[in-house]
Amino acid sequence: MSTVARHFKIERPFGPYIVHTTISDENKLPVCDSIQFKRLTDTYTKEVFRETLSEYIATEKPKFPLRTITKEKVREVFYDLINFDTSKICTPEDQNQNHVFEKYDDYKYPYSKYGLGLIEASSQFNDISNAFHQDLRLDCGTYKIKSPKETWEKGTPKEIWSTLGGLWRGVNSKADLSPESYIEVIRLGTYIATQFKPVVAKTIYDMTNARYVLDTSCGWGDRLAGFYASKAFFYVGCDPNPNTFKRYKEQCIYYEKLNGCNDPQIYEHEHYFNILGNKHVTIFKMGSEDLNEIQLGLKHIKDPLCTGKFDVAFTSPPYFSTEKYNAGYDEEENQSWSKYDTYEKWRDNFYLKTAEIVDKYATYNFVNIMDPMVKGKRYRSGDELVDRFKDKFLGQIGMKIRQRPKSDKLFESEEEKKKFESSTFIENVWCFGPKDKLDFFKNSRVATLDQFFE
């Protein structure tokens, strides 16, 4: 990054002041190393530094900072995921020794009774897909909170000020002013749409021995990335977002290259594309509730390993009235948050309708969703999904998530605190399929002495 020694100056009602730093030539972003950062803070105080920086960003509008993820990094992590043994992050419930916490303790079908096992995955492989979608993901806000990108580009000085406090609170791990540090603190100062872990998708494909997979909400391309790193061969997905749709094709072409296919066949159409290389991918630019036999029928495929159905459908659908995907851009009216303005419409015409379609075309259906809370009201999406397909409900897999630490004052005893710290907090993956189910955790099951002597 080429830089030039400059300063930024804000005229204020009580007189001007100047904070000296370095501004990158190409994007006007104030940057400085840790020594400069400390000196500036000590000289002007963090309050003045923070307020000046906020006003500069709001006035001069430097380019929104993104993490630098090189193609070399994507290549390295991609191969690491291909070689990663997913059984190592799985624990069957009968061998789980930790207490499991769900977001709500009154599900009709709780993990304590219907738990199959746990997946404990880190974010170490996230760059595989994040390299293609991070700018779009950071531009996705909610009904209540602006996205980081919108706040940065269109926010008031006060709104920007509220996102930067972490620079001085120990959240800034490098203790400097760099693009990475901005992103690090903005994560806590605004709402950031969650990235799904590609390794979890690969884990699901592995545990279901999947060759043919369906993803009815492609999102940020994370399950597509997991597919390319798995043994699965055929992927069909859909998403109505025209911006992510373009990126999916870029992902496929690059992953094919990493898999040794430099010249895959690409067939582009107005509302879908096919890529035929070492793997076969078809992605439709449409809502999942509109899928039908034309998009999902597999009977024409001449493959002895194809049963005529997808081996597994695995997705994480957009929650009701939560994240506003593609807001402010072309075709936002095709997003579920825009099409269905009440929970009942969203549930009946999108969420459960999609599940009905998937039930017809997939052997197993795995759905990652937690009950959304909107304006203080909880909507029981998990229970309603199981109620609709109770005859095929196999149980739930817990996808371990990081729990924010709680103040010691909230614990009534030291024992209660220890229990909290040793517990596992999960998101629910609701699992459906034939009752003569696979042992999804067979490759993770540790043999006991009793089993050895049987």
Protein backbone atom coordinates (compact mmCIF):
# COMPACT_ATOMS: atom_id res chain seq x y z
CA MET A 1 0.00 0.00 0.00
CA SER A 2 1.55 3.33 -1.03
CA THR A 3 1.12 6.03 1.58
CA VAL A 4 1.77 9.71 1.89
CA ALA A 5 2.57 11.68 5.04
CA ARG A 6 -0.45 13.91 5.46
CA HIS A 7 -2.81 14.89 8.21
CA PHE A 8 -6.52 15.20 8.55
CA LYS A 9 -8.03 18.39 9.94
CA ILE A 10 -11.54 18.99 11.25
CA GLU A 11 -12.90 22.50 11.71
CA ARG A 12 -14.92 22.65 14.93
CA PRO A 13 -17.14 25.35 16.51
CA PHE A 14 -14.57 25.87 19.26
CA GLY A 15 -11.64 26.05 16.87
CA PRO A 16 -9.68 23.71 14.61
CA TYR A 17 -7.42 20.91 15.74
CA ILE A 18 -5.24 18.54 13.80
CA VAL A 19 -4.41 14.90 14.38
CA HIS A 20 -1.32 13.89 12.43
CA THR A 21 -1.20 10.41 10.94
CA THR A 22 -0.64 8.75 7.58
CA ILE A 23 -3.31 8.53 4.93
CA SER A 24 -3.18 5.84 2.27
CA ASP A 25 -2.86 7.38 -1.16
CA GLU A 26 -5.43 5.23 -2.96
CA ASN A 27 -8.30 5.16 -0.49
CA LYS A 28 -7.83 8.09 1.94
CA LEU A 29 -7.90 5.75 4.94
CA PRO A 30 -6.03 7.06 8.03
CA VAL A 31 -3.47 4.47 9.12
CA CYS A 32 -0.57 4.36 11.56
CA ASP A 33 1.53 1.80 13.40
CA SER A 34 1.18 0.94 17.08
CA ILE A 35 3.86 3.43 18.19
CA GLN A 36 2.18 6.29 16.35
CA PHE A 37 -1.23 5.19 17.58
CA LYS A 38 -0.12 5.35 21.22
CA ARG A 39 1.62 8.69 20.72
CA LEU A 40 -1.45 10.22 19.08
CA THR A 41 -3.71 8.92 21.83
CA ASP A 42 -1.41 10.23 24.56
CA THR A 43 -1.04 13.61 22.84
CA TYR A 44 -4.66 14.33 21.96
CA THR A 45 -6.53 11.90 24.29
CA LYS A 46 -8.58 9.02 22.96
CA GLU A 47 -11.75 11.13 23.10
CA VAL A 48 -10.37 13.77 20.74
CA PHE A 49 -8.71 11.18 18.52
CA ARG A 50 -11.92 9.13 18.25
CA GLU A 51 -14.17 12.10 17.57
CA THR A 52 -11.79 13.55 14.98
CA LEU A 53 -11.44 10.21 13.23
CA SER A 54 -15.24 9.78 13.15
CA GLU A 55 -15.78 13.21 11.64
CA TYR A 56 -13.03 12.66 9.08
CA ILE A 57 -14.59 9.38 7.90
CA ALA A 58 -18.05 10.93 7.67
CA THR A 59 -16.73 13.95 5.77
CA GLU A 60 -14.00 12.59 3.50
CA LYS A 61 -15.54 9.13 2.99
CA PRO A 62 -12.42 6.97 2.71
CA LYS A 63 -12.93 3.59 1.10
CA PHE A 64 -14.50 1.01 3.43
CA PRO A 65 -11.67 -1.25 4.70
CA LEU A 66 -11.74 -4.95 3.92
CA ARG A 67 -9.51 -7.78 5.02
CA THR A 68 -6.84 -8.66 2.51
CA ILE A 69 -7.36 -12.29 1.53
CA THR A 70 -4.94 -13.32 -1.20
CA LYS A 71 -5.56 -16.08 -3.72
CA GLU A 72 -2.52 -17.81 -2.27
CA LYS A 73 -4.26 -17.83 1.12
CA VAL A 74 -7.48 -19.21 -0.41
CA ARG A 75 -5.49 -21.92 -2.19
CA GLU A 76 -3.67 -22.91 1.01
CA VAL A 77 -6.82 -23.08 3.13
CA PHE A 78 -8.78 -24.84 0.39
CA TYR A 79 -6.28 -27.70 0.26
CA ASP A 80 -6.21 -27.82 4.05
CA LEU A 81 -9.98 -28.30 4.08
CA ILE A 82 -9.84 -31.00 1.41
CA ASN A 83 -7.44 -32.94 3.61
CA PHE A 84 -9.23 -32.20 6.88
CA ASP A 85 -10.75 -35.17 8.71
CA THR A 86 -14.18 -33.90 9.73
CA SER A 87 -14.75 -36.80 12.11
CA LYS A 88 -12.33 -35.08 14.49
CA ILE A 89 -14.77 -32.25 15.18
CA CYS A 90 -17.78 -34.51 15.80
CA THR A 91 -18.93 -35.99 19.08
CA PRO A 92 -21.85 -38.48 19.25
CA GLU A 93 -24.28 -37.54 21.99
CA ASP A 94 -23.78 -40.79 23.90
CA GLN A 95 -20.11 -39.80 24.33
CA ASN A 96 -20.67 -36.11 25.07
CA GLN A 97 -19.67 -35.17 28.63
CA ASN A 98 -20.63 -31.48 28.59
CA HIS A 99 -23.95 -29.85 29.36
CA VAL A 100 -25.56 -28.46 26.21
CA PHE A 101 -27.30 -25.08 26.16
CA GLU A 102 -29.73 -24.07 23.41
CA LYS A 103 -30.84 -20.52 22.77
CA TYR A 104 -34.22 -21.39 24.32
CA ASP A 105 -34.87 -23.93 27.05
CA ASP A 106 -38.48 -24.72 26.11
CA TYR A 107 -38.28 -26.24 22.63
CA LYS A 108 -40.85 -28.99 22.05
CA TYR A 109 -38.00 -31.07 20.62
CA PRO A 110 -34.99 -30.12 22.78
CA TYR A 111 -31.45 -31.30 22.30
CA SER A 112 -31.54 -32.93 25.74
CA LYS A 113 -34.09 -35.43 24.39
CA TYR A 114 -33.46 -35.48 20.65
CA GLY A 115 -29.75 -34.66 20.41
CA LEU A 116 -27.74 -36.80 18.00
CA GLY A 117 -24.34 -35.27 18.55
CA LEU A 118 -22.20 -32.17 18.26
CA ILE A 119 -20.08 -30.48 15.62
CA GLU A 120 -17.38 -28.21 17.04
CA ALA A 121 -15.85 -26.26 14.18
CA SER A 122 -13.51 -23.28 14.11
CA SER A 123 -13.43 -20.50 11.52
CA GLN A 124 -10.01 -21.52 10.20
CA PHE A 125 -11.39 -22.34 6.74
CA ASN A 126 -13.72 -19.34 6.34
CA ASP A 127 -11.43 -17.44 3.99
CA ILE A 128 -12.24 -19.91 1.20
CA SER A 129 -15.60 -18.26 0.67
CA ASN A 130 -15.12 -14.98 2.51
CA ALA A 131 -12.57 -13.91 -0.10
CA PHE A 132 -15.41 -13.77 -2.65
CA HIS A 133 -18.22 -12.33 -0.52
CA GLN A 134 -16.88 -10.26 2.39
CA ASP A 135 -17.86 -6.90 0.86
CA LEU A 136 -21.43 -8.08 0.22
CA ARG A 137 -21.73 -9.65 3.66
CA LEU A 138 -20.51 -6.49 5.37
CA ASP A 139 -23.13 -4.55 3.42
CA CYS A 140 -25.99 -6.61 4.89
CA GLY A 141 -27.85 -4.93 7.73
CA THR A 142 -30.95 -5.73 9.75
CA TYR A 143 -34.29 -4.06 10.35
CA LYS A 144 -32.80 -2.29 13.37
CA ILE A 145 -29.10 -1.85 12.62
CA LYS A 146 -27.26 -0.54 9.59
CA SER A 147 -24.60 -2.72 8.07
CA PRO A 148 -20.95 -1.84 8.74
CA LYS A 149 -20.48 -0.71 5.14
CA GLU A 150 -23.60 1.46 5.13
CA THR A 151 -22.65 3.01 8.47
CA TRP A 152 -19.17 3.80 7.17
CA GLU A 153 -20.29 5.22 3.83
CA LYS A 154 -23.55 6.96 4.81
CA GLY A 155 -23.48 7.26 8.59
CA THR A 156 -23.30 10.42 10.66
CA PRO A 157 -20.15 11.18 12.69
CA LYS A 158 -22.00 9.98 15.80
CA GLU A 159 -22.96 6.66 14.17
CA ILE A 160 -19.39 6.13 13.00
CA TRP A 161 -18.07 7.16 16.43
CA SER A 162 -20.15 4.38 18.03
CA THR A 163 -18.36 1.74 15.94
CA LEU A 164 -14.78 2.80 16.71
CA GLY A 165 -14.57 2.56 20.50
CA GLY A 166 -12.89 -0.84 20.35
CA LEU A 167 -9.76 0.76 18.93
CA TRP A 168 -8.97 1.93 22.47
CA ARG A 169 -10.56 -0.86 24.53
CA GLY A 170 -8.22 -3.79 24.01
CA VAL A 171 -10.26 -5.24 21.15
CA ASN A 172 -7.65 -3.84 18.76
CA SER A 173 -5.20 -6.77 18.91
CA LYS A 174 -2.51 -4.97 16.90
CA ALA A 175 -2.99 -1.72 18.84
CA ASP A 176 -2.61 0.25 15.62
CA LEU A 177 -4.73 1.93 12.97
CA SER A 178 -4.80 -0.46 10.00
CA PRO A 179 -7.51 -1.86 7.70
CA GLU A 180 -7.45 -5.06 9.75
CA SER A 181 -7.90 -3.15 13.01
CA TYR A 182 -10.84 -1.17 11.65
CA ILE A 183 -12.60 -4.40 10.67
CA GLU A 184 -11.74 -6.02 14.00
CA VAL A 185 -13.46 -3.31 16.04
CA ILE A 186 -16.32 -2.67 13.62
CA ARG A 187 -17.36 -6.29 14.18
CA LEU A 188 -18.32 -5.39 17.74
CA GLY A 189 -19.61 -1.90 17.03
CA THR A 190 -22.18 -2.86 14.38
CA TYR A 191 -24.16 -5.87 13.21
CA ILE A 192 -22.30 -8.25 10.90
CA ALA A 193 -24.15 -10.94 8.99
CA THR A 194 -22.91 -14.32 10.12
CA GLN A 195 -20.70 -16.37 7.85
CA PHE A 196 -21.47 -20.08 7.77
CA LYS A 197 -18.44 -22.32 8.29
CA PRO A 198 -17.53 -24.25 5.12
CA VAL A 199 -16.08 -27.03 7.26
CA VAL A 200 -19.52 -27.66 8.80
CA ALA A 201 -20.99 -28.13 5.32
CA LYS A 202 -18.22 -30.59 4.44
CA THR A 203 -18.91 -32.39 7.73
CA ILE A 204 -22.59 -32.82 6.88
CA TYR A 205 -21.76 -34.07 3.38
CA ASP A 206 -19.25 -36.53 4.86
CA MET A 207 -21.56 -37.91 7.55
CA THR A 208 -24.36 -38.51 5.02
CA ASN A 209 -22.02 -40.04 2.41
CA ALA A 210 -23.39 -37.44 0.01
CA ARG A 211 -22.65 -37.41 -3.70
CA TYR A 212 -25.63 -35.28 -4.76
CA VAL A 213 -26.32 -32.23 -2.58
CA LEU A 214 -28.95 -29.49 -2.56
CA ASP A 215 -28.60 -26.03 -1.00
CA THR A 216 -31.79 -23.96 -1.15
CA SER A 217 -30.23 -20.77 0.24
CA CYS A 218 -26.70 -20.38 -1.11
CA GLY A 219 -26.08 -17.27 1.02
CA TRP A 220 -22.43 -16.21 1.10
CA GLY A 221 -21.24 -19.28 -0.81
CA ASP A 222 -20.00 -21.10 2.28
CA ARG A 223 -21.75 -24.44 1.66
CA LEU A 224 -20.67 -24.24 -1.99
CA ALA A 225 -17.08 -23.95 -0.75
CA GLY A 226 -17.60 -26.92 1.59
CA PHE A 227 -18.99 -28.92 -1.32
CA TYR A 228 -15.91 -28.33 -3.45
CA ALA A 229 -13.67 -29.48 -0.59
CA SER A 230 -15.76 -32.63 -0.02
CA LYS A 231 -16.17 -35.92 -1.88
CA ALA A 232 -19.60 -34.87 -3.15
CA PHE A 233 -19.87 -34.57 -6.93
CA PHE A 234 -23.12 -32.76 -7.84
CA TYR A 235 -24.41 -29.51 -6.32
CA VAL A 236 -27.65 -27.66 -7.02
CA GLY A 237 -28.29 -24.38 -5.26
CA CYS A 238 -30.45 -21.29 -5.49
CA ASP A 239 -30.55 -17.75 -4.19
CA PRO A 240 -32.44 -14.71 -5.56
CA ASN A 241 -29.58 -12.27 -4.87
CA PRO A 242 -28.12 -11.17 -8.25
CA ASN A 243 -24.92 -9.88 -6.63
CA THR A 244 -24.00 -13.12 -4.88
CA PHE A 245 -25.11 -15.04 -7.99
CA LYS A 246 -22.21 -13.51 -9.92
CA ARG A 247 -19.76 -14.43 -7.18
CA TYR A 248 -20.89 -18.08 -7.08
CA LYS A 249 -19.68 -18.49 -10.65
CA GLU A 250 -16.33 -16.94 -9.76
CA GLN A 251 -16.05 -19.36 -6.84
CA CYS A 252 -16.79 -22.38 -8.99
CA ILE A 253 -14.27 -21.43 -11.67
CA TYR A 254 -11.54 -20.83 -9.10
CA TYR A 255 -12.27 -23.99 -7.13
CA GLU A 256 -12.28 -26.03 -10.33
CA LYS A 257 -8.84 -24.66 -11.08
CA LEU A 258 -7.65 -25.64 -7.62
CA ASN A 259 -9.09 -29.10 -8.23
CA GLY A 260 -7.08 -29.43 -11.44
CA CYS A 261 -9.65 -28.38 -14.04
CA ASN A 262 -8.44 -25.23 -15.82
CA ASP A 263 -11.13 -25.19 -18.48
CA PRO A 264 -14.54 -26.26 -17.12
CA GLN A 265 -17.54 -26.08 -19.42
CA ILE A 266 -19.65 -23.05 -18.49
CA TYR A 267 -23.25 -22.63 -19.63
CA GLU A 268 -24.76 -19.27 -18.73
CA HIS A 269 -28.44 -18.44 -18.84
CA GLU A 270 -30.45 -15.49 -17.61
CA HIS A 271 -31.52 -17.08 -14.36
CA TYR A 272 -29.06 -19.94 -13.85
CA PHE A 273 -25.68 -21.31 -14.82
CA ASN A 274 -24.11 -24.75 -15.13
CA ILE A 275 -20.44 -25.50 -14.58
CA LEU A 276 -19.18 -28.93 -15.62
CA GLY A 277 -15.67 -29.70 -14.53
CA ASN A 278 -14.33 -32.17 -12.02
CA LYS A 279 -17.59 -31.46 -10.24
CA HIS A 280 -21.00 -30.44 -11.59
CA VAL A 281 -22.72 -27.32 -10.28
CA THR A 282 -26.02 -25.67 -11.17
CA ILE A 283 -27.17 -22.53 -9.37
CA PHE A 284 -30.48 -20.77 -9.96
CA LYS A 285 -31.11 -17.07 -9.35
CA MET A 286 -34.50 -17.57 -7.75
CA GLY A 287 -36.23 -18.11 -4.44
CA SER A 288 -36.30 -21.68 -3.12
CA GLU A 289 -40.09 -21.59 -2.79
CA ASP A 290 -40.32 -21.55 -6.60
CA LEU A 291 -38.18 -24.63 -7.26
CA ASN A 292 -39.85 -27.52 -9.08
CA GLU A 293 -39.21 -30.70 -11.09
CA ILE A 294 -37.49 -28.76 -13.86
CA GLN A 295 -34.75 -27.59 -11.49
CA LEU A 296 -34.62 -30.53 -9.09
CA GLY A 297 -35.43 -33.65 -11.08
CA LEU A 298 -32.49 -36.07 -11.21
CA LYS A 299 -34.11 -39.02 -12.98
CA HIS A 300 -32.46 -38.10 -16.27
CA ILE A 301 -28.96 -38.47 -14.82
CA LYS A 302 -27.16 -41.59 -16.00
CA ASP A 303 -25.09 -42.34 -12.93
CA PRO A 304 -25.34 -45.69 -11.15
CA LEU A 305 -24.66 -43.88 -7.88
CA CYS A 306 -27.62 -41.52 -8.33
CA THR A 307 -30.77 -42.72 -6.57
CA GLY A 308 -32.97 -40.19 -8.34
CA LYS A 309 -32.91 -37.97 -5.23
CA PHE A 310 -30.37 -35.67 -3.66
CA ASP A 311 -28.52 -37.54 -0.93
CA VAL A 312 -28.81 -34.56 1.38
CA ALA A 313 -30.26 -31.07 1.36
CA PHE A 314 -28.47 -28.83 3.79
CA THR A 315 -29.04 -25.11 4.22
CA SER A 316 -29.43 -22.22 6.63
CA PRO A 317 -32.43 -20.22 5.42
CA PRO A 318 -32.81 -16.47 5.94
CA TYR A 319 -34.66 -15.86 9.20
CA PHE A 320 -37.91 -13.94 9.27
CA SER A 321 -37.49 -10.17 9.64
CA THR A 322 -33.82 -10.35 10.52
CA GLU A 323 -31.09 -9.75 7.94
CA LYS A 324 -31.98 -7.58 4.93
CA TYR A 325 -30.11 -9.30 2.13
CA ASN A 326 -29.43 -7.20 -0.98
CA ALA A 327 -31.32 -4.22 0.46
CA GLY A 328 -31.10 -1.15 -1.75
CA TYR A 329 -29.95 -3.06 -4.82
CA ASP A 330 -31.60 -4.46 -7.94
CA GLU A 331 -34.11 -7.25 -7.34
CA GLU A 332 -34.34 -6.74 -3.59
CA GLU A 333 -38.07 -7.39 -4.02
CA ASN A 334 -37.25 -11.08 -4.63
CA GLN A 335 -35.73 -11.55 -1.19
CA SER A 336 -37.89 -13.32 1.39
CA TRP A 337 -37.64 -10.38 3.84
CA SER A 338 -39.13 -8.13 1.15
CA LYS A 339 -41.73 -10.54 -0.25
CA TYR A 340 -43.28 -11.65 3.05
CA ASP A 341 -44.11 -8.92 5.52
CA THR A 342 -45.68 -11.11 8.23
CA TYR A 343 -44.34 -14.18 9.93
CA GLU A 344 -47.28 -16.30 8.78
CA LYS A 345 -46.67 -15.36 5.13
CA TRP A 346 -42.94 -16.04 5.47
CA ARG A 347 -43.57 -19.38 7.21
CA ASP A 348 -46.28 -20.71 4.90
CA ASN A 349 -45.14 -19.33 1.55
CA PHE A 350 -41.37 -19.58 1.94
CA TYR A 351 -40.00 -21.54 4.89
CA LEU A 352 -42.34 -24.53 5.14
CA LYS A 353 -43.09 -24.49 1.41
CA THR A 354 -39.38 -24.89 0.69
CA ALA A 355 -39.21 -27.75 3.19
CA GLU A 356 -42.12 -29.47 1.42
CA ILE A 357 -40.27 -29.21 -1.90
CA VAL A 358 -37.04 -30.52 -0.39
CA ASP A 359 -38.88 -33.44 1.22
CA LYS A 360 -39.93 -34.57 -2.25
CA TYR A 361 -36.48 -34.40 -3.82
CA ALA A 362 -33.96 -35.22 -1.08
CA THR A 363 -33.36 -38.29 1.07
CA TYR A 364 -32.09 -36.28 4.04
CA ASN A 365 -32.96 -32.70 4.89
CA PHE A 366 -30.79 -30.82 7.40
CA VAL A 367 -31.91 -27.30 8.34
CA ASN A 368 -29.88 -24.90 10.48
CA ILE A 369 -32.26 -22.40 12.06
CA MET A 370 -33.01 -20.94 15.49
CA ASP A 371 -36.24 -19.24 16.48
CA PRO A 372 -36.11 -15.56 15.47
CA MET A 373 -37.00 -12.91 18.02
CA VAL A 374 -38.64 -9.83 16.47
CA LYS A 375 -39.68 -6.84 18.58
CA GLY A 376 -39.70 -8.99 21.68
CA LYS A 377 -41.81 -11.74 20.13
CA ARG A 378 -40.38 -15.19 19.54
CA TYR A 379 -41.45 -17.15 16.48
CA ARG A 380 -41.16 -20.92 16.89
CA SER A 381 -39.66 -21.83 13.53
CA GLY A 382 -37.86 -24.90 14.89
CA ASP A 383 -40.90 -26.51 16.50
CA GLU A 384 -43.10 -25.73 13.50
CA LEU A 385 -40.67 -27.39 11.10
CA VAL A 386 -40.58 -30.56 13.21
CA ASP A 387 -44.36 -30.52 13.67
CA ARG A 388 -44.79 -30.51 9.89
CA PHE A 389 -42.38 -33.42 9.30
CA LYS A 390 -42.65 -35.26 12.61
CA ASP A 391 -42.79 -38.68 10.92
CA LYS A 392 -39.33 -38.07 9.41
CA PHE A 393 -37.73 -36.23 12.32
CA LEU A 394 -34.47 -37.94 13.30
CA GLY A 395 -33.29 -35.50 15.95
CA GLN A 396 -31.02 -32.51 16.01
CA ILE A 397 -27.30 -31.95 15.66
CA GLY A 398 -25.79 -29.23 17.80
CA MET A 399 -23.50 -26.84 15.97
CA LYS A 400 -21.28 -25.42 18.66
CA ILE A 401 -21.02 -21.62 18.86
CA ARG A 402 -18.96 -19.28 20.99
CA GLN A 403 -20.83 -17.89 23.97
CA ARG A 404 -20.16 -14.34 25.08
CA PRO A 405 -18.69 -14.23 28.61
CA LYS A 406 -20.99 -13.22 31.45
CA SER A 407 -20.19 -10.98 34.40
CA ASP A 408 -19.33 -12.84 37.61
CA LYS A 409 -22.15 -10.93 39.31
CA LEU A 410 -24.72 -12.87 37.25
CA PHE A 411 -23.75 -16.19 38.85
CA GLU A 412 -25.28 -17.19 42.18
CA SER A 413 -22.37 -19.46 43.05
CA GLU A 414 -18.91 -20.52 41.91
CA GLU A 415 -20.36 -23.90 40.97
CA GLU A 416 -22.90 -22.25 38.67
CA LYS A 417 -20.10 -20.26 37.03
CA LYS A 418 -18.01 -23.39 36.43
CA LYS A 419 -21.00 -25.16 34.89
CA PHE A 420 -21.53 -22.23 32.52
CA GLU A 421 -17.89 -22.14 31.49
CA SER A 422 -17.75 -25.88 30.83
CA SER A 423 -21.03 -25.99 28.90
CA THR A 424 -21.51 -26.26 25.16
CA PHE A 425 -23.68 -23.64 23.45
CA ILE A 426 -25.23 -24.63 20.16
CA GLU A 427 -27.23 -23.63 17.13
CA ASN A 428 -29.77 -26.25 16.08
CA VAL A 429 -29.51 -28.34 12.93
CA TRP A 430 -32.87 -30.10 12.55
CA CYS A 431 -32.47 -33.46 10.80
CA PHE A 432 -35.07 -35.32 8.74
CA GLY A 433 -34.96 -38.52 6.73
CA PRO A 434 -35.80 -42.22 6.69
CA LYS A 435 -36.09 -43.85 10.08
CA ASP A 436 -33.58 -46.55 9.18
CA LYS A 437 -31.09 -43.74 9.42
CA LEU A 438 -27.36 -43.75 9.01
CA ASP A 439 -25.19 -43.50 12.09
CA PHE A 440 -24.07 -39.98 11.26
CA PHE A 441 -21.36 -40.10 13.92
CA LYS A 442 -19.99 -43.59 13.24
CA ASN A 443 -16.58 -42.27 12.17
CA SER A 444 -16.31 -40.21 15.34
CA ARG A 445 -17.43 -42.86 17.78
CA VAL A 446 -14.73 -43.91 20.24
CA ALA A 447 -14.85 -47.59 21.16
CA THR A 448 -15.29 -48.31 24.87
CA LEU A 449 -13.77 -51.22 26.82
CA ASP A 450 -17.21 -52.81 27.10
CA GLN A 451 -17.58 -52.74 23.34
CA PHE A 452 -14.07 -54.16 22.92
CA PHE A 453 -14.95 -57.25 24.99
CA GLU A 454 -18.33 -57.84 23.37
